[in-house]
Amino acid sequence: MTERSMTEHGPLLERLLAGEFICAVSDESAFRRLQDDEVREQLDTYLRPLNRRLATNDEGSVYFLAWRRLDEGAREQLSRQLADTVNSLLPMLEWLQLVQETLGRDGLAAPGDVLKPADFSSRCEDNQGLRERLERLATDPFFGSQSDQLDAQLKQVFKRLKEHGYLLQPHADRQYFVVTAKIDYLVDLVRFIRDEENLPVDDQPPASQESLL
């Protein structure tokens, strides 16, 4: 990679090396750059000595870094990353199901979908079953709410989803969020664990969660 291209791509490389997922929602300009064959080749040339490579999902909707060779060091780090991800799988699947039921949608939340905490609040206030499920979800260690107030629980759930890159908040002073393509990566990962590795996320997953996949 030339000095000029390194300077040009440096900030993007730093974000990828920090574990960010780049999609059309999270950063449209960077996503378009990563769709360029020449740019991807330049990045992979730089990443090769670091034992990393640029990867994408089957749909090409999100880019992230993967290991090039699974040596001992890579396996240890990958194991830690996988353990963290697995701990989030069940609460994330429950959240996806809750989005479907609360908002009356036929399919999963998809990149570009707009979600508003106020919509969840109004529907949960009128439905005790949804309210109880949201409370259980919000107090899960992954989301970590310590409040028994609906609005505070919703705030914590959306905050954590934003922190983990599943949601983007375009304007800090406006309470709406946009789903990123990292959700596609999560669903692909669950399917891989289930279908390719025969590693069930749960010995007896709820039927509602199985139906998601």
N, C-alpha and C. Protein backbone atom coordinates (compact mmCIF):
# COMPACT_ATOMS: atom_id res chain seq x y z
N MET A 1 0.85 -1.18 0.00
CA MET A 1 0.00 0.00 0.00
C MET A 1 0.89 1.24 0.00
N THR A 2 0.63 2.18 -0.92
CA THR A 2 1.44 3.37 -1.01
C THR A 2 1.20 4.27 0.18
N GLU A 3 2.16 5.22 0.39
CA GLU A 3 2.02 6.14 1.52
C GLU A 3 0.75 6.96 1.39
N ARG A 4 0.44 7.36 0.13
CA ARG A 4 -0.76 8.18 -0.09
C ARG A 4 -2.03 7.39 0.27
N SER A 5 -2.11 6.14 -0.20
CA SER A 5 -3.31 5.35 0.07
C SER A 5 -3.41 4.99 1.54
N MET A 6 -2.24 4.79 2.18
CA MET A 6 -2.26 4.50 3.61
C MET A 6 -2.83 5.67 4.38
N THR A 7 -2.41 6.89 4.00
CA THR A 7 -2.94 8.09 4.65
C THR A 7 -4.43 8.21 4.41
N GLU A 8 -4.84 7.91 3.19
CA GLU A 8 -6.25 8.02 2.83
C GLU A 8 -7.11 7.01 3.57
N HIS A 9 -6.61 5.79 3.68
CA HIS A 9 -7.40 4.72 4.29
C HIS A 9 -7.11 4.50 5.76
N GLY A 10 -6.15 5.26 6.31
CA GLY A 10 -5.75 5.05 7.69
C GLY A 10 -6.90 5.08 8.69
N PRO A 11 -7.73 6.13 8.69
CA PRO A 11 -8.84 6.18 9.66
C PRO A 11 -9.80 4.99 9.52
N LEU A 12 -10.06 4.57 8.29
CA LEU A 12 -10.95 3.43 8.06
C LEU A 12 -10.32 2.14 8.59
N LEU A 13 -9.02 1.98 8.36
CA LEU A 13 -8.32 0.81 8.87
C LEU A 13 -8.36 0.76 10.40
N GLU A 14 -8.17 1.91 11.02
CA GLU A 14 -8.20 1.96 12.48
C GLU A 14 -9.57 1.53 13.00
N ARG A 15 -10.62 1.97 12.34
CA ARG A 15 -11.97 1.59 12.77
C ARG A 15 -12.20 0.09 12.61
N LEU A 16 -11.75 -0.45 11.50
CA LEU A 16 -11.91 -1.89 11.27
C LEU A 16 -11.10 -2.70 12.28
N LEU A 17 -9.87 -2.26 12.54
CA LEU A 17 -9.02 -2.97 13.49
C LEU A 17 -9.57 -2.87 14.92
N ALA A 18 -10.36 -1.84 15.17
CA ALA A 18 -10.99 -1.68 16.48
C ALA A 18 -12.25 -2.53 16.62
N GLY A 19 -12.61 -3.23 15.52
CA GLY A 19 -13.75 -4.13 15.60
C GLY A 19 -15.05 -3.56 15.07
N GLU A 20 -15.00 -2.42 14.39
CA GLU A 20 -16.23 -1.83 13.87
C GLU A 20 -16.75 -2.62 12.67
N PHE A 21 -18.05 -2.53 12.46
CA PHE A 21 -18.72 -3.11 11.30
C PHE A 21 -19.18 -1.94 10.43
N ILE A 22 -18.83 -1.97 9.16
CA ILE A 22 -19.12 -0.87 8.26
C ILE A 22 -20.22 -1.27 7.29
N CYS A 23 -21.29 -0.49 7.26
CA CYS A 23 -22.39 -0.76 6.33
C CYS A 23 -22.91 0.56 5.78
N ALA A 24 -23.89 0.48 4.90
CA ALA A 24 -24.44 1.68 4.28
C ALA A 24 -25.14 2.58 5.28
N VAL A 25 -25.58 2.01 6.41
CA VAL A 25 -26.25 2.81 7.43
C VAL A 25 -25.24 3.46 8.36
N SER A 26 -24.26 2.69 8.82
CA SER A 26 -23.30 3.21 9.78
C SER A 26 -22.36 4.24 9.16
N ASP A 27 -21.99 4.05 7.89
CA ASP A 27 -21.11 5.00 7.20
C ASP A 27 -21.21 4.74 5.70
N GLU A 28 -22.09 5.45 5.04
CA GLU A 28 -22.35 5.20 3.62
C GLU A 28 -21.12 5.45 2.76
N SER A 29 -20.36 6.50 3.06
CA SER A 29 -19.17 6.83 2.27
C SER A 29 -18.12 5.72 2.39
N ALA A 30 -17.83 5.29 3.62
CA ALA A 30 -16.84 4.22 3.83
C ALA A 30 -17.32 2.92 3.19
N PHE A 31 -18.61 2.65 3.29
CA PHE A 31 -19.17 1.43 2.71
C PHE A 31 -18.97 1.42 1.19
N ARG A 32 -19.21 2.54 0.54
CA ARG A 32 -19.00 2.62 -0.91
C ARG A 32 -17.54 2.38 -1.26
N ARG A 33 -16.64 2.92 -0.45
CA ARG A 33 -15.21 2.71 -0.70
C ARG A 33 -14.86 1.23 -0.60
N LEU A 34 -15.44 0.55 0.36
CA LEU A 34 -15.13 -0.86 0.55
C LEU A 34 -15.74 -1.74 -0.54
N GLN A 35 -16.66 -1.22 -1.30
CA GLN A 35 -17.22 -1.97 -2.42
C GLN A 35 -16.31 -1.91 -3.64
N ASP A 36 -15.28 -1.10 -3.59
CA ASP A 36 -14.32 -0.95 -4.68
C ASP A 36 -13.27 -2.06 -4.58
N ASP A 37 -13.13 -2.85 -5.64
CA ASP A 37 -12.17 -3.98 -5.64
C ASP A 37 -10.76 -3.51 -5.33
N GLU A 38 -10.35 -2.39 -5.90
CA GLU A 38 -8.98 -1.90 -5.71
C GLU A 38 -8.74 -1.50 -4.27
N VAL A 39 -9.72 -0.86 -3.66
CA VAL A 39 -9.58 -0.45 -2.26
C VAL A 39 -9.48 -1.68 -1.37
N ARG A 40 -10.31 -2.66 -1.61
CA ARG A 40 -10.26 -3.88 -0.79
C ARG A 40 -8.91 -4.58 -0.94
N GLU A 41 -8.37 -4.58 -2.15
CA GLU A 41 -7.06 -5.21 -2.38
C GLU A 41 -5.96 -4.45 -1.62
N GLN A 42 -6.03 -3.12 -1.63
CA GLN A 42 -5.05 -2.32 -0.90
C GLN A 42 -5.14 -2.59 0.60
N LEU A 43 -6.34 -2.66 1.10
CA LEU A 43 -6.51 -2.91 2.53
C LEU A 43 -6.00 -4.30 2.91
N ASP A 44 -6.30 -5.29 2.08
CA ASP A 44 -5.85 -6.64 2.38
C ASP A 44 -4.33 -6.75 2.32
N THR A 45 -3.70 -5.99 1.43
CA THR A 45 -2.25 -5.98 1.35
C THR A 45 -1.66 -5.47 2.66
N TYR A 46 -2.26 -4.42 3.21
CA TYR A 46 -1.77 -3.88 4.47
C TYR A 46 -2.05 -4.83 5.62
N LEU A 47 -3.21 -5.48 5.58
CA LEU A 47 -3.64 -6.33 6.70
C LEU A 47 -2.94 -7.68 6.74
N ARG A 48 -2.39 -8.13 5.62
CA ARG A 48 -1.83 -9.47 5.54
C ARG A 48 -0.76 -9.73 6.61
N PRO A 49 0.21 -8.81 6.81
CA PRO A 49 1.21 -9.07 7.87
C PRO A 49 0.61 -9.09 9.27
N LEU A 50 -0.59 -8.54 9.43
CA LEU A 50 -1.25 -8.53 10.72
C LEU A 50 -2.13 -9.76 10.91
N ASN A 51 -2.09 -10.67 9.92
CA ASN A 51 -2.89 -11.88 9.96
C ASN A 51 -4.38 -11.56 9.97
N ARG A 52 -4.76 -10.50 9.31
CA ARG A 52 -6.16 -10.12 9.22
C ARG A 52 -6.56 -9.96 7.75
N ARG A 53 -7.85 -10.00 7.50
CA ARG A 53 -8.36 -9.80 6.15
C ARG A 53 -9.73 -9.14 6.22
N LEU A 54 -10.08 -8.45 5.15
CA LEU A 54 -11.39 -7.83 5.08
C LEU A 54 -12.41 -8.90 4.72
N ALA A 55 -13.52 -8.93 5.44
CA ALA A 55 -14.55 -9.93 5.21
C ALA A 55 -15.91 -9.25 5.07
N THR A 56 -16.86 -9.97 4.49
CA THR A 56 -18.22 -9.49 4.37
C THR A 56 -19.17 -10.66 4.50
N ASN A 57 -20.45 -10.38 4.68
CA ASN A 57 -21.44 -11.46 4.76
C ASN A 57 -21.87 -11.85 3.35
N ASP A 58 -22.69 -12.88 3.23
CA ASP A 58 -23.10 -13.38 1.92
C ASP A 58 -23.81 -12.32 1.08
N GLU A 59 -24.57 -11.45 1.76
CA GLU A 59 -25.31 -10.42 1.05
C GLU A 59 -24.44 -9.21 0.70
N GLY A 60 -23.24 -9.15 1.26
CA GLY A 60 -22.37 -8.00 1.01
C GLY A 60 -22.90 -6.72 1.63
N SER A 61 -23.68 -6.85 2.72
CA SER A 61 -24.30 -5.67 3.31
C SER A 61 -23.47 -5.07 4.44
N VAL A 62 -22.42 -5.78 4.88
CA VAL A 62 -21.61 -5.27 5.98
C VAL A 62 -20.17 -5.81 5.84
N TYR A 63 -19.20 -4.95 6.16
CA TYR A 63 -17.78 -5.33 6.11
C TYR A 63 -17.19 -5.30 7.51
N PHE A 64 -16.25 -6.22 7.76
CA PHE A 64 -15.59 -6.32 9.06
C PHE A 64 -14.29 -7.08 8.85
N LEU A 65 -13.48 -7.19 9.89
CA LEU A 65 -12.21 -7.91 9.78
C LEU A 65 -12.34 -9.33 10.32
N ALA A 66 -11.65 -10.24 9.64
CA ALA A 66 -11.58 -11.63 10.09
C ALA A 66 -10.10 -12.04 10.12
N TRP A 67 -9.83 -13.16 10.78
CA TRP A 67 -8.47 -13.67 10.82
C TRP A 67 -8.13 -14.35 9.49
N ARG A 68 -6.89 -14.20 9.08
CA ARG A 68 -6.44 -14.88 7.85
C ARG A 68 -6.04 -16.32 8.14
N ARG A 69 -5.30 -16.52 9.23
CA ARG A 69 -4.90 -17.86 9.66
C ARG A 69 -5.22 -18.00 11.13
N LEU A 70 -5.77 -19.13 11.51
CA LEU A 70 -6.13 -19.35 12.91
C LEU A 70 -4.96 -19.98 13.65
N ASP A 71 -3.93 -19.17 13.92
CA ASP A 71 -2.83 -19.66 14.74
C ASP A 71 -3.25 -19.60 16.20
N GLU A 72 -2.34 -19.94 17.10
CA GLU A 72 -2.70 -20.02 18.51
C GLU A 72 -3.20 -18.69 19.06
N GLY A 73 -2.49 -17.61 18.73
CA GLY A 73 -2.91 -16.30 19.21
C GLY A 73 -4.27 -15.90 18.69
N ALA A 74 -4.50 -16.17 17.39
CA ALA A 74 -5.78 -15.84 16.79
C ALA A 74 -6.91 -16.66 17.40
N ARG A 75 -6.63 -17.94 17.66
CA ARG A 75 -7.66 -18.80 18.25
C ARG A 75 -8.05 -18.31 19.64
N GLU A 76 -7.07 -17.88 20.43
CA GLU A 76 -7.38 -17.39 21.78
C GLU A 76 -8.25 -16.14 21.72
N GLN A 77 -7.88 -15.21 20.84
CA GLN A 77 -8.66 -13.99 20.74
C GLN A 77 -10.04 -14.26 20.16
N LEU A 78 -10.10 -15.16 19.16
CA LEU A 78 -11.38 -15.51 18.56
C LEU A 78 -12.29 -16.18 19.58
N SER A 79 -11.72 -17.01 20.43
CA SER A 79 -12.51 -17.68 21.46
C SER A 79 -13.12 -16.67 22.42
N ARG A 80 -12.33 -15.65 22.79
CA ARG A 80 -12.86 -14.61 23.68
C ARG A 80 -13.98 -13.84 23.00
N GLN A 81 -13.76 -13.50 21.72
CA GLN A 81 -14.77 -12.76 20.97
C GLN A 81 -16.05 -13.58 20.83
N LEU A 82 -15.88 -14.87 20.54
CA LEU A 82 -17.05 -15.72 20.37
C LEU A 82 -17.81 -15.87 21.67
N ALA A 83 -17.09 -15.99 22.79
CA ALA A 83 -17.75 -16.10 24.09
C ALA A 83 -18.58 -14.86 24.38
N ASP A 84 -18.03 -13.69 24.08
CA ASP A 84 -18.76 -12.43 24.28
C ASP A 84 -19.99 -12.38 23.39
N THR A 85 -19.83 -12.84 22.14
CA THR A 85 -20.95 -12.81 21.20
C THR A 85 -22.04 -13.77 21.62
N VAL A 86 -21.64 -14.98 22.03
CA VAL A 86 -22.63 -15.98 22.44
C VAL A 86 -23.45 -15.47 23.63
N ASN A 87 -22.80 -14.75 24.55
CA ASN A 87 -23.51 -14.21 25.70
C ASN A 87 -24.59 -13.21 25.29
N SER A 88 -24.42 -12.62 24.10
CA SER A 88 -25.39 -11.63 23.64
C SER A 88 -26.44 -12.23 22.71
N LEU A 89 -26.24 -13.47 22.27
CA LEU A 89 -27.13 -14.03 21.25
C LEU A 89 -28.58 -14.15 21.72
N LEU A 90 -28.79 -14.76 22.88
CA LEU A 90 -30.16 -14.97 23.34
C LEU A 90 -30.89 -13.65 23.62
N PRO A 91 -30.28 -12.70 24.35
CA PRO A 91 -30.99 -11.43 24.52
C PRO A 91 -31.22 -10.70 23.20
N MET A 92 -30.29 -10.82 22.24
CA MET A 92 -30.49 -10.17 20.95
C MET A 92 -31.62 -10.84 20.17
N LEU A 93 -31.70 -12.16 20.23
CA LEU A 93 -32.80 -12.87 19.55
C LEU A 93 -34.14 -12.50 20.19
N GLU A 94 -34.15 -12.38 21.51
CA GLU A 94 -35.38 -11.97 22.19
C GLU A 94 -35.77 -10.55 21.79
N TRP A 95 -34.77 -9.69 21.66
CA TRP A 95 -35.05 -8.32 21.22
C TRP A 95 -35.65 -8.29 19.83
N LEU A 96 -35.09 -9.08 18.91
CA LEU A 96 -35.62 -9.15 17.54
C LEU A 96 -37.07 -9.62 17.55
N GLN A 97 -37.34 -10.63 18.38
CA GLN A 97 -38.71 -11.12 18.48
C GLN A 97 -39.62 -10.05 19.07
N LEU A 98 -39.13 -9.34 20.05
CA LEU A 98 -39.93 -8.29 20.69
C LEU A 98 -40.24 -7.17 19.70
N VAL A 99 -39.28 -6.83 18.86
CA VAL A 99 -39.52 -5.81 17.83
C VAL A 99 -40.64 -6.25 16.90
N GLN A 100 -40.59 -7.52 16.47
CA GLN A 100 -41.64 -8.04 15.59
C GLN A 100 -43.01 -7.93 16.24
N GLU A 101 -43.11 -8.40 17.46
CA GLU A 101 -44.42 -8.47 18.10
C GLU A 101 -44.92 -7.10 18.54
N THR A 102 -44.02 -6.29 19.06
CA THR A 102 -44.42 -4.98 19.56
C THR A 102 -44.87 -4.06 18.42
N LEU A 103 -44.14 -4.10 17.32
CA LEU A 103 -44.43 -3.20 16.20
C LEU A 103 -45.30 -3.86 15.13
N GLY A 104 -45.66 -5.14 15.34
CA GLY A 104 -46.54 -5.82 14.40
C GLY A 104 -45.92 -6.05 13.04
N ARG A 105 -44.64 -6.40 13.01
CA ARG A 105 -43.94 -6.61 11.74
C ARG A 105 -43.92 -8.08 11.38
N ASP A 106 -43.88 -8.34 10.08
CA ASP A 106 -43.86 -9.72 9.60
C ASP A 106 -42.46 -10.34 9.65
N GLY A 107 -41.44 -9.54 9.45
CA GLY A 107 -40.08 -10.07 9.39
C GLY A 107 -39.17 -9.45 10.42
N LEU A 108 -37.90 -9.86 10.37
CA LEU A 108 -36.89 -9.33 11.28
C LEU A 108 -36.64 -7.86 11.02
N ALA A 109 -36.14 -7.18 12.04
CA ALA A 109 -35.65 -5.83 11.84
C ALA A 109 -34.52 -5.89 10.81
N ALA A 110 -34.54 -4.99 9.85
CA ALA A 110 -33.59 -5.02 8.74
C ALA A 110 -32.82 -3.71 8.67
N PRO A 111 -31.63 -3.73 8.07
CA PRO A 111 -30.85 -2.50 7.93
C PRO A 111 -31.68 -1.38 7.30
N GLY A 112 -31.62 -0.22 7.92
CA GLY A 112 -32.38 0.92 7.43
C GLY A 112 -33.70 1.14 8.13
N ASP A 113 -34.19 0.13 8.85
CA ASP A 113 -35.44 0.29 9.60
C ASP A 113 -35.27 1.35 10.68
N VAL A 114 -36.29 2.14 10.87
CA VAL A 114 -36.28 3.18 11.91
C VAL A 114 -37.06 2.69 13.12
N LEU A 115 -36.46 2.77 14.29
CA LEU A 115 -37.09 2.34 15.54
C LEU A 115 -37.14 3.53 16.50
N LYS A 116 -38.30 3.70 17.13
CA LYS A 116 -38.49 4.79 18.08
C LYS A 116 -38.86 4.23 19.45
N PRO A 117 -38.10 4.58 20.49
CA PRO A 117 -38.45 4.11 21.84
C PRO A 117 -39.89 4.44 22.21
N ALA A 118 -40.41 5.57 21.75
CA ALA A 118 -41.78 5.97 22.09
C ALA A 118 -42.80 4.96 21.59
N ASP A 119 -42.53 4.34 20.43
CA ASP A 119 -43.46 3.34 19.90
C ASP A 119 -43.51 2.11 20.81
N PHE A 120 -42.35 1.71 21.30
CA PHE A 120 -42.31 0.56 22.22
C PHE A 120 -43.00 0.91 23.53
N SER A 121 -42.77 2.13 24.02
CA SER A 121 -43.35 2.54 25.28
C SER A 121 -44.87 2.52 25.24
N SER A 122 -45.45 3.08 24.19
CA SER A 122 -46.91 3.16 24.10
C SER A 122 -47.54 1.79 23.98
N ARG A 123 -46.91 0.90 23.24
CA ARG A 123 -47.47 -0.44 23.04
C ARG A 123 -47.29 -1.31 24.29
N CYS A 124 -46.15 -1.16 24.96
CA CYS A 124 -45.92 -1.97 26.17
C CYS A 124 -46.81 -1.51 27.32
N GLU A 125 -47.14 -0.23 27.36
CA GLU A 125 -48.02 0.26 28.41
C GLU A 125 -49.41 -0.33 28.30
N ASP A 126 -49.80 -0.68 27.07
CA ASP A 126 -51.14 -1.22 26.83
C ASP A 126 -51.18 -2.75 26.79
N ASN A 127 -50.02 -3.38 26.96
CA ASN A 127 -49.96 -4.84 26.86
C ASN A 127 -49.06 -5.36 27.98
N GLN A 128 -49.67 -5.96 29.00
CA GLN A 128 -48.91 -6.40 30.16
C GLN A 128 -47.89 -7.48 29.80
N GLY A 129 -48.24 -8.35 28.86
CA GLY A 129 -47.31 -9.40 28.45
C GLY A 129 -46.05 -8.83 27.83
N LEU A 130 -46.22 -7.87 26.93
CA LEU A 130 -45.06 -7.21 26.32
C LEU A 130 -44.26 -6.45 27.37
N ARG A 131 -44.96 -5.82 28.29
CA ARG A 131 -44.28 -5.06 29.34
C ARG A 131 -43.39 -5.96 30.18
N GLU A 132 -43.89 -7.13 30.55
CA GLU A 132 -43.11 -8.06 31.36
C GLU A 132 -41.91 -8.59 30.58
N ARG A 133 -42.11 -8.86 29.30
CA ARG A 133 -40.99 -9.36 28.49
C ARG A 133 -39.91 -8.30 28.33
N LEU A 134 -40.33 -7.06 28.14
CA LEU A 134 -39.36 -5.98 28.02
C LEU A 134 -38.57 -5.83 29.31
N GLU A 135 -39.24 -5.95 30.44
CA GLU A 135 -38.56 -5.83 31.73
C GLU A 135 -37.52 -6.94 31.90
N ARG A 136 -37.89 -8.17 31.55
CA ARG A 136 -36.92 -9.27 31.64
C ARG A 136 -35.73 -9.03 30.72
N LEU A 137 -36.02 -8.53 29.52
CA LEU A 137 -34.95 -8.27 28.56
C LEU A 137 -34.03 -7.16 29.05
N ALA A 138 -34.62 -6.08 29.52
CA ALA A 138 -33.83 -4.93 29.95
C ALA A 138 -32.92 -5.26 31.13
N THR A 139 -33.36 -6.16 31.99
CA THR A 139 -32.57 -6.50 33.18
C THR A 139 -31.61 -7.65 32.93
N ASP A 140 -31.61 -8.20 31.70
CA ASP A 140 -30.60 -9.21 31.34
C ASP A 140 -29.22 -8.57 31.46
N PRO A 141 -28.22 -9.33 31.91
CA PRO A 141 -26.87 -8.75 32.07
C PRO A 141 -26.34 -8.06 30.82
N PHE A 142 -26.76 -8.51 29.63
CA PHE A 142 -26.27 -7.88 28.41
C PHE A 142 -26.74 -6.43 28.31
N PHE A 143 -27.98 -6.16 28.71
CA PHE A 143 -28.51 -4.80 28.67
C PHE A 143 -28.28 -4.07 29.99
N GLY A 144 -28.45 -4.76 31.10
CA GLY A 144 -28.02 -4.25 32.40
C GLY A 144 -28.82 -3.11 33.00
N SER A 145 -30.12 -3.04 32.73
CA SER A 145 -30.92 -2.00 33.36
C SER A 145 -31.12 -2.30 34.84
N GLN A 146 -31.02 -1.26 35.67
CA GLN A 146 -31.24 -1.39 37.11
C GLN A 146 -32.55 -0.73 37.54
N SER A 147 -33.33 -0.27 36.55
CA SER A 147 -34.54 0.49 36.85
C SER A 147 -35.79 -0.38 36.70
N ASP A 148 -36.84 0.00 37.40
CA ASP A 148 -38.12 -0.67 37.23
C ASP A 148 -39.10 0.22 36.45
N GLN A 149 -38.58 1.32 35.89
CA GLN A 149 -39.39 2.24 35.10
C GLN A 149 -39.25 1.92 33.61
N LEU A 150 -40.39 1.87 32.93
CA LEU A 150 -40.41 1.48 31.52
C LEU A 150 -39.51 2.37 30.66
N ASP A 151 -39.63 3.68 30.79
CA ASP A 151 -38.85 4.59 29.95
C ASP A 151 -37.35 4.43 30.18
N ALA A 152 -36.96 4.24 31.43
CA ALA A 152 -35.54 4.05 31.75
C ALA A 152 -35.03 2.72 31.19
N GLN A 153 -35.85 1.69 31.25
CA GLN A 153 -35.45 0.40 30.70
C GLN A 153 -35.27 0.49 29.19
N LEU A 154 -36.21 1.15 28.52
CA LEU A 154 -36.09 1.33 27.07
C LEU A 154 -34.84 2.13 26.72
N LYS A 155 -34.58 3.16 27.49
CA LYS A 155 -33.40 3.99 27.24
C LYS A 155 -32.13 3.16 27.33
N GLN A 156 -32.06 2.27 28.33
CA GLN A 156 -30.88 1.42 28.51
C GLN A 156 -30.74 0.41 27.38
N VAL A 157 -31.86 -0.19 26.96
CA VAL A 157 -31.82 -1.17 25.86
C VAL A 157 -31.31 -0.50 24.58
N PHE A 158 -31.86 0.64 24.25
CA PHE A 158 -31.43 1.33 23.02
C PHE A 158 -29.99 1.82 23.13
N LYS A 159 -29.60 2.22 24.32
CA LYS A 159 -28.21 2.66 24.54
C LYS A 159 -27.24 1.52 24.27
N ARG A 160 -27.55 0.34 24.79
CA ARG A 160 -26.65 -0.81 24.61
C ARG A 160 -26.61 -1.26 23.14
N LEU A 161 -27.76 -1.24 22.48
CA LEU A 161 -27.80 -1.62 21.07
C LEU A 161 -26.99 -0.65 20.23
N LYS A 162 -27.03 0.61 20.60
CA LYS A 162 -26.21 1.62 19.91
C LYS A 162 -24.73 1.38 20.19
N GLU A 163 -24.38 1.11 21.45
CA GLU A 163 -22.98 0.88 21.81
C GLU A 163 -22.40 -0.31 21.07
N HIS A 164 -23.21 -1.33 20.84
CA HIS A 164 -22.73 -2.54 20.18
C HIS A 164 -22.85 -2.47 18.66
N GLY A 165 -23.28 -1.33 18.13
CA GLY A 165 -23.28 -1.13 16.68
C GLY A 165 -24.48 -1.67 15.94
N TYR A 166 -25.51 -2.12 16.66
CA TYR A 166 -26.70 -2.63 15.99
C TYR A 166 -27.66 -1.50 15.60
N LEU A 167 -27.54 -0.37 16.29
CA LEU A 167 -28.37 0.78 16.00
C LEU A 167 -27.50 2.01 15.84
N LEU A 168 -27.97 2.93 15.01
CA LEU A 168 -27.32 4.23 14.83
C LEU A 168 -28.32 5.31 15.19
N GLN A 169 -27.88 6.30 15.95
CA GLN A 169 -28.73 7.43 16.29
C GLN A 169 -28.26 8.64 15.47
N PRO A 170 -28.95 8.96 14.39
CA PRO A 170 -28.48 10.04 13.50
C PRO A 170 -28.35 11.39 14.19
N HIS A 171 -29.25 11.68 15.13
CA HIS A 171 -29.24 12.97 15.82
C HIS A 171 -29.36 12.73 17.33
N ALA A 172 -28.37 13.20 18.07
CA ALA A 172 -28.33 12.94 19.51
C ALA A 172 -29.55 13.51 20.24
N ASP A 173 -30.14 14.57 19.70
CA ASP A 173 -31.27 15.20 20.38
C ASP A 173 -32.62 14.71 19.87
N ARG A 174 -32.62 13.70 19.01
CA ARG A 174 -33.88 13.16 18.49
C ARG A 174 -33.94 11.67 18.78
N GLN A 175 -35.04 11.24 19.36
CA GLN A 175 -35.15 9.87 19.85
C GLN A 175 -35.69 8.91 18.78
N TYR A 176 -34.86 8.71 17.76
CA TYR A 176 -35.13 7.63 16.82
C TYR A 176 -33.80 7.02 16.41
N PHE A 177 -33.84 5.74 16.06
CA PHE A 177 -32.63 4.99 15.76
C PHE A 177 -32.82 4.22 14.45
N VAL A 178 -31.71 3.97 13.76
CA VAL A 178 -31.74 3.24 12.50
C VAL A 178 -30.97 1.94 12.66
N VAL A 179 -31.56 0.84 12.23
CA VAL A 179 -30.93 -0.48 12.33
C VAL A 179 -29.77 -0.56 11.33
N THR A 180 -28.62 -1.04 11.77
CA THR A 180 -27.47 -1.21 10.89
C THR A 180 -27.38 -2.65 10.38
N ALA A 181 -26.51 -2.87 9.40
CA ALA A 181 -26.36 -4.20 8.82
C ALA A 181 -25.59 -5.15 9.72
N LYS A 182 -25.14 -4.68 10.88
CA LYS A 182 -24.52 -5.63 11.82
C LYS A 182 -25.55 -6.67 12.25
N ILE A 183 -26.83 -6.33 12.17
CA ILE A 183 -27.87 -7.29 12.51
C ILE A 183 -27.84 -8.46 11.53
N ASP A 184 -27.48 -8.21 10.26
CA ASP A 184 -27.34 -9.30 9.28
C ASP A 184 -26.21 -10.24 9.70
N TYR A 185 -25.11 -9.66 10.18
CA TYR A 185 -23.98 -10.47 10.65
C TYR A 185 -24.41 -11.35 11.81
N LEU A 186 -25.17 -10.79 12.74
CA LEU A 186 -25.63 -11.55 13.91
C LEU A 186 -26.49 -12.74 13.48
N VAL A 187 -27.44 -12.50 12.59
CA VAL A 187 -28.32 -13.57 12.13
C VAL A 187 -27.52 -14.63 11.39
N ASP A 188 -26.57 -14.21 10.55
CA ASP A 188 -25.72 -15.17 9.84
C ASP A 188 -24.92 -16.01 10.82
N LEU A 189 -24.42 -15.38 11.88
CA LEU A 189 -23.63 -16.11 12.88
C LEU A 189 -24.47 -17.16 13.58
N VAL A 190 -25.69 -16.80 13.95
CA VAL A 190 -26.57 -17.76 14.61
C VAL A 190 -26.86 -18.94 13.69
N ARG A 191 -27.11 -18.66 12.43
CA ARG A 191 -27.38 -19.73 11.48
C ARG A 191 -26.16 -20.62 11.29
N PHE A 192 -24.98 -20.01 11.29
CA PHE A 192 -23.75 -20.78 11.16
C PHE A 192 -23.58 -21.72 12.35
N ILE A 193 -23.77 -21.19 13.55
CA ILE A 193 -23.65 -22.01 14.76
C ILE A 193 -24.65 -23.16 14.73
N ARG A 194 -25.86 -22.84 14.31
CA ARG A 194 -26.92 -23.85 14.32
C ARG A 194 -26.72 -24.90 13.22
N ASP A 195 -26.46 -24.45 12.01
CA ASP A 195 -26.47 -25.35 10.86
C ASP A 195 -25.12 -25.99 10.55
N GLU A 196 -24.04 -25.21 10.72
CA GLU A 196 -22.72 -25.71 10.31
C GLU A 196 -21.97 -26.40 11.43
N GLU A 197 -22.09 -25.85 12.62
CA GLU A 197 -21.28 -26.37 13.73
C GLU A 197 -22.06 -27.27 14.67
N ASN A 198 -23.37 -27.31 14.52
CA ASN A 198 -24.20 -28.09 15.43
C ASN A 198 -23.95 -27.70 16.89
N LEU A 199 -23.79 -26.40 17.10
CA LEU A 199 -23.58 -25.89 18.45
C LEU A 199 -24.81 -25.09 18.84
N PRO A 200 -25.83 -25.72 19.44
CA PRO A 200 -27.04 -24.98 19.77
C PRO A 200 -26.75 -23.85 20.74
N VAL A 201 -27.36 -22.72 20.49
CA VAL A 201 -27.20 -21.59 21.40
C VAL A 201 -27.82 -21.91 22.74
N ASP A 202 -28.86 -22.72 22.73
CA ASP A 202 -29.54 -23.12 23.95
C ASP A 202 -30.06 -24.53 23.73
N ASP A 203 -30.00 -25.37 24.76
CA ASP A 203 -30.47 -26.75 24.59
C ASP A 203 -31.93 -26.80 24.19
N GLN A 204 -32.72 -25.86 24.70
CA GLN A 204 -34.13 -25.82 24.37
C GLN A 204 -34.53 -24.38 24.09
N PRO A 205 -34.15 -23.84 22.93
CA PRO A 205 -34.47 -22.44 22.63
C PRO A 205 -35.95 -22.27 22.49
N PRO A 206 -36.49 -21.12 22.89
CA PRO A 206 -37.91 -20.85 22.75
C PRO A 206 -38.33 -20.98 21.30
N ALA A 207 -39.53 -21.50 21.08
CA ALA A 207 -40.03 -21.68 19.72
C ALA A 207 -40.06 -20.38 18.97
N SER A 208 -40.37 -19.30 19.68
CA SER A 208 -40.43 -18.01 19.01
C SER A 208 -39.08 -17.60 18.46
N GLN A 209 -38.00 -17.94 19.17
CA GLN A 209 -36.67 -17.62 18.69
C GLN A 209 -36.27 -18.53 17.54
N GLU A 210 -36.64 -19.80 17.59
CA GLU A 210 -36.35 -20.69 16.48
C GLU A 210 -37.02 -20.19 15.21
N SER A 211 -38.23 -19.63 15.34
CA SER A 211 -38.95 -19.18 14.15
C SER A 211 -38.28 -18.00 13.50
N LEU A 212 -37.45 -17.26 14.25
CA LEU A 212 -36.75 -16.14 13.66
C LEU A 212 -35.76 -16.59 12.60
N LEU A 213 -35.25 -17.80 12.76
CA LEU A 213 -34.15 -18.24 11.93
C LEU A 213 -34.57 -19.34 10.98
